[in-house]
């Protein structure tokens, strides 16, 4: 191995090889060595200690998806605010104006969502 770049990546390749090997080996060992005596009780679906009611594949109301998307948007907002706050002094006025524009757009979007009643939980 004369190439120094390949030598640097050798530990990563070894670790990746071990991870792939174990990811294949462990399920095979579990299936081959584990007990194979499932009872009707073990095969029944378990739901909080109660017998399941209705079908498992029922449709969820759209409000759950709306709340999930809003949660992701709030997370993205925070993810963008933290690096901006860390490098605030380096960015100067340009960074301040760019973040103010972003925050105004974000707050207007929040106001629109609030006005539409998406955050209302029934």
C-alpha atoms as a PDB file:
ATOM      1  CA  UNK A   1       0.000   0.000   0.000  1.00  0.00           C
ATOM      2  CA  UNK A   2       2.026   2.891  -1.281  1.00  0.00           C
ATOM      3  CA  UNK A   3      -0.841   5.335  -1.541  1.00  0.00           C
ATOM      4  CA  UNK A   4      -1.079   7.270   1.786  1.00  0.00           C
ATOM      5  CA  UNK A   5      -4.702   8.242   1.187  1.00  0.00           C
ATOM      6  CA  UNK A   6      -5.765   4.600   0.986  1.00  0.00           C
ATOM      7  CA  UNK A   7      -3.844   3.863   4.186  1.00  0.00           C
ATOM      8  CA  UNK A   8      -5.781   6.622   5.961  1.00  0.00           C
ATOM      9  CA  UNK A   9      -9.104   5.095   4.941  1.00  0.00           C
ATOM     10  CA  UNK A  10      -8.123   1.528   5.868  1.00  0.00           C
ATOM     11  CA  UNK A  11      -9.572   1.722   9.437  1.00  0.00           C
ATOM     12  CA  UNK A  12     -12.864   3.035   8.028  1.00  0.00           C
ATOM     13  CA  UNK A  13     -12.997   0.204   5.498  1.00  0.00           C
ATOM     14  CA  UNK A  14     -12.249  -2.378   8.196  1.00  0.00           C
ATOM     15  CA  UNK A  15     -14.947  -0.942  10.473  1.00  0.00           C
ATOM     16  CA  UNK A  16     -17.444  -0.901   7.600  1.00  0.00           C
ATOM     17  CA  UNK A  17     -16.582  -4.514   6.771  1.00  0.00           C
ATOM     18  CA  UNK A  18     -17.067  -5.602  10.382  1.00  0.00           C
ATOM     19  CA  UNK A  19     -20.407  -3.750  10.564  1.00  0.00           C
ATOM     20  CA  UNK A  20     -21.689  -5.376   7.365  1.00  0.00           C
ATOM     21  CA  UNK A  21     -20.482  -8.803   8.509  1.00  0.00           C
ATOM     22  CA  UNK A  22     -22.257  -8.477  11.875  1.00  0.00           C
ATOM     23  CA  UNK A  23     -25.410  -7.071  10.262  1.00  0.00           C
ATOM     24  CA  UNK A  24     -25.645 -10.216   8.151  1.00  0.00           C
ATOM     25  CA  UNK A  25     -24.390 -12.734  10.712  1.00  0.00           C
ATOM     26  CA  UNK A  26     -26.486 -11.782  13.760  1.00  0.00           C
ATOM     27  CA  UNK A  27     -29.957 -12.149  12.170  1.00  0.00           C
ATOM     28  CA  UNK A  28     -28.903 -15.465  10.619  1.00  0.00           C
ATOM     29  CA  UNK A  29     -27.699 -16.736  14.013  1.00  0.00           C
ATOM     30  CA  UNK A  30     -30.860 -15.499  15.701  1.00  0.00           C
ATOM     31  CA  UNK A  31     -33.096 -17.282  13.212  1.00  0.00           C
ATOM     32  CA  UNK A  32     -31.111 -20.508  13.267  1.00  0.00           C
ATOM     33  CA  UNK A  33     -30.416 -20.790  17.025  1.00  0.00           C
ATOM     34  CA  UNK A  34     -33.571 -19.227  18.482  1.00  0.00           C
ATOM     35  CA  UNK A  35     -36.631 -21.184  19.636  1.00  0.00           C
ATOM     36  CA  UNK A  36     -39.261 -21.932  17.017  1.00  0.00           C
ATOM     37  CA  UNK A  37     -42.369 -22.651  19.107  1.00  0.00           C
ATOM     38  CA  UNK A  38     -44.677 -19.671  18.584  1.00  0.00           C
ATOM     39  CA  UNK A  39     -48.019 -19.930  20.345  1.00  0.00           C
ATOM     40  CA  UNK A  40     -51.261 -18.228  19.378  1.00  0.00           C
ATOM     41  CA  UNK A  41     -50.693 -15.739  22.176  1.00  0.00           C
ATOM     42  CA  UNK A  42     -47.222 -14.851  20.902  1.00  0.00           C
ATOM     43  CA  UNK A  43     -48.488 -14.341  17.365  1.00  0.00           C
ATOM     44  CA  UNK A  44     -51.366 -12.080  18.458  1.00  0.00           C
ATOM     45  CA  UNK A  45     -50.798  -8.331  18.041  1.00  0.00           C
ATOM     46  CA  UNK A  46     -49.970  -6.513  21.256  1.00  0.00           C
ATOM     47  CA  UNK A  47     -51.273  -3.020  21.844  1.00  0.00           C
ATOM     48  CA  UNK A  48     -50.693  -1.477  25.275  1.00  0.00           C
ATOM     49  CA  UNK A  49     -51.818  -4.596  27.079  1.00  0.00           C
ATOM     50  CA  UNK A  50     -55.277  -4.468  25.538  1.00  0.00           C
ATOM     51  CA  UNK A  51     -56.874  -6.498  22.798  1.00  0.00           C
ATOM     52  CA  UNK A  52     -56.647  -4.591  19.500  1.00  0.00           C
ATOM     53  CA  UNK A  53     -59.834  -2.944  18.262  1.00  0.00           C
ATOM     54  CA  UNK A  54     -60.480  -2.604  14.549  1.00  0.00           C
ATOM     55  CA  UNK A  55     -58.033  -2.858  11.694  1.00  0.00           C
ATOM     56  CA  UNK A  56     -54.374  -2.049  12.073  1.00  0.00           C
ATOM     57  CA  UNK A  57     -54.239  -0.096   8.797  1.00  0.00           C
ATOM     58  CA  UNK A  58     -56.719   2.676   9.512  1.00  0.00           C
ATOM     59  CA  UNK A  59     -56.299   6.143   8.068  1.00  0.00           C
ATOM     60  CA  UNK A  60     -55.046   8.926  10.280  1.00  0.00           C
ATOM     61  CA  UNK A  61     -56.654  12.362  10.117  1.00  0.00           C
ATOM     62  CA  UNK A  62     -54.789  15.001   8.120  1.00  0.00           C
ATOM     63  CA  UNK A  63     -54.267  17.140  11.230  1.00  0.00           C
ATOM     64  CA  UNK A  64     -51.602  14.703  12.456  1.00  0.00           C
ATOM     65  CA  UNK A  65     -49.631  15.216   9.255  1.00  0.00           C
ATOM     66  CA  UNK A  66     -50.020  18.988   9.487  1.00  0.00           C
ATOM     67  CA  UNK A  67     -48.681  19.013  13.028  1.00  0.00           C
ATOM     68  CA  UNK A  68     -45.766  16.793  11.976  1.00  0.00           C
ATOM     69  CA  UNK A  69     -44.855  19.124   9.111  1.00  0.00           C
ATOM     70  CA  UNK A  70     -45.063  22.160  11.403  1.00  0.00           C
ATOM     71  CA  UNK A  71     -42.838  20.402  13.927  1.00  0.00           C
ATOM     72  CA  UNK A  72     -40.254  19.780  11.191  1.00  0.00           C
ATOM     73  CA  UNK A  73     -40.453  23.436  10.124  1.00  0.00           C
ATOM     74  CA  UNK A  74     -39.824  24.607  13.689  1.00  0.00           C
ATOM     75  CA  UNK A  75     -36.867  22.231  13.900  1.00  0.00           C
ATOM     76  CA  UNK A  76     -35.424  23.583  10.653  1.00  0.00           C
ATOM     77  CA  UNK A  77     -35.848  27.097  12.000  1.00  0.00           C
ATOM     78  CA  UNK A  78     -33.850  26.248  15.119  1.00  0.00           C
ATOM     79  CA  UNK A  79     -31.238  24.377  13.076  1.00  0.00           C
ATOM     80  CA  UNK A  80     -30.724  27.518  10.993  1.00  0.00           C
ATOM     81  CA  UNK A  81     -30.723  29.883  13.962  1.00  0.00           C
ATOM     82  CA  UNK A  82     -28.011  28.147  15.987  1.00  0.00           C
ATOM     83  CA  UNK A  83     -25.155  28.366  13.422  1.00  0.00           C
ATOM     84  CA  UNK A  84     -26.204  31.911  12.603  1.00  0.00           C
ATOM     85  CA  UNK A  85     -25.989  32.876  16.282  1.00  0.00           C
ATOM     86  CA  UNK A  86     -22.572  31.248  16.616  1.00  0.00           C
ATOM     87  CA  UNK A  87     -21.113  33.116  13.619  1.00  0.00           C
ATOM     88  CA  UNK A  88     -23.105  36.325  14.135  1.00  0.00           C
ATOM     89  CA  UNK A  89     -20.067  38.614  14.511  1.00  0.00           C
ATOM     90  CA  UNK A  90     -18.373  37.288  11.356  1.00  0.00           C
ATOM     91  CA  UNK A  91     -21.469  37.777   9.195  1.00  0.00           C
ATOM     92  CA  UNK A  92     -21.939  41.440  10.056  1.00  0.00           C
ATOM     93  CA  UNK A  93     -24.898  43.437   8.765  1.00  0.00           C
ATOM     94  CA  UNK A  94     -25.429  41.153   5.791  1.00  0.00           C
ATOM     95  CA  UNK A  95     -26.018  38.186   8.102  1.00  0.00           C
ATOM     96  CA  UNK A  96     -28.319  40.266  10.293  1.00  0.00           C
ATOM     97  CA  UNK A  97     -30.437  41.445   7.363  1.00  0.00           C
ATOM     98  CA  UNK A  98     -30.596  37.942   5.856  1.00  0.00           C
ATOM     99  CA  UNK A  99     -31.754  36.454   9.171  1.00  0.00           C
ATOM    100  CA  UNK A 100     -34.275  39.244   9.690  1.00  0.00           C
ATOM    101  CA  UNK A 101     -35.783  38.512   6.275  1.00  0.00           C
ATOM    102  CA  UNK A 102     -35.873  34.805   7.112  1.00  0.00           C
ATOM    103  CA  UNK A 103     -37.487  35.421  10.498  1.00  0.00           C
ATOM    104  CA  UNK A 104     -40.091  37.834   9.071  1.00  0.00           C
ATOM    105  CA  UNK A 105     -41.074  35.225   6.478  1.00  0.00           C
ATOM    106  CA  UNK A 106     -41.167  32.535   9.165  1.00  0.00           C
ATOM    107  CA  UNK A 107     -43.295  34.648  11.522  1.00  0.00           C
ATOM    108  CA  UNK A 108     -45.697  35.530   8.692  1.00  0.00           C
ATOM    109  CA  UNK A 109     -46.025  31.820   7.944  1.00  0.00           C
ATOM    110  CA  UNK A 110     -46.676  31.107  11.617  1.00  0.00           C
ATOM    111  CA  UNK A 111     -49.343  33.818  11.721  1.00  0.00           C
ATOM    112  CA  UNK A 112     -51.007  32.352   8.624  1.00  0.00           C
ATOM    113  CA  UNK A 113     -50.990  28.866  10.166  1.00  0.00           C
ATOM    114  CA  UNK A 114     -52.457  30.237  13.390  1.00  0.00           C
ATOM    115  CA  UNK A 115     -55.146  32.180  11.491  1.00  0.00           C
ATOM    116  CA  UNK A 116     -56.091  29.055   9.504  1.00  0.00           C
ATOM    117  CA  UNK A 117     -56.607  27.185  12.787  1.00  0.00           C
ATOM    118  CA  UNK A 118     -54.078  24.434  12.106  1.00  0.00           C
ATOM    119  CA  UNK A 119     -52.809  24.609  15.676  1.00  0.00           C
ATOM    120  CA  UNK A 120     -56.308  24.089  17.114  1.00  0.00           C
ATOM    121  CA  UNK A 121     -56.658  20.642  18.638  1.00  0.00           C
ATOM    122  CA  UNK A 122     -60.165  19.260  18.949  1.00  0.00           C
END
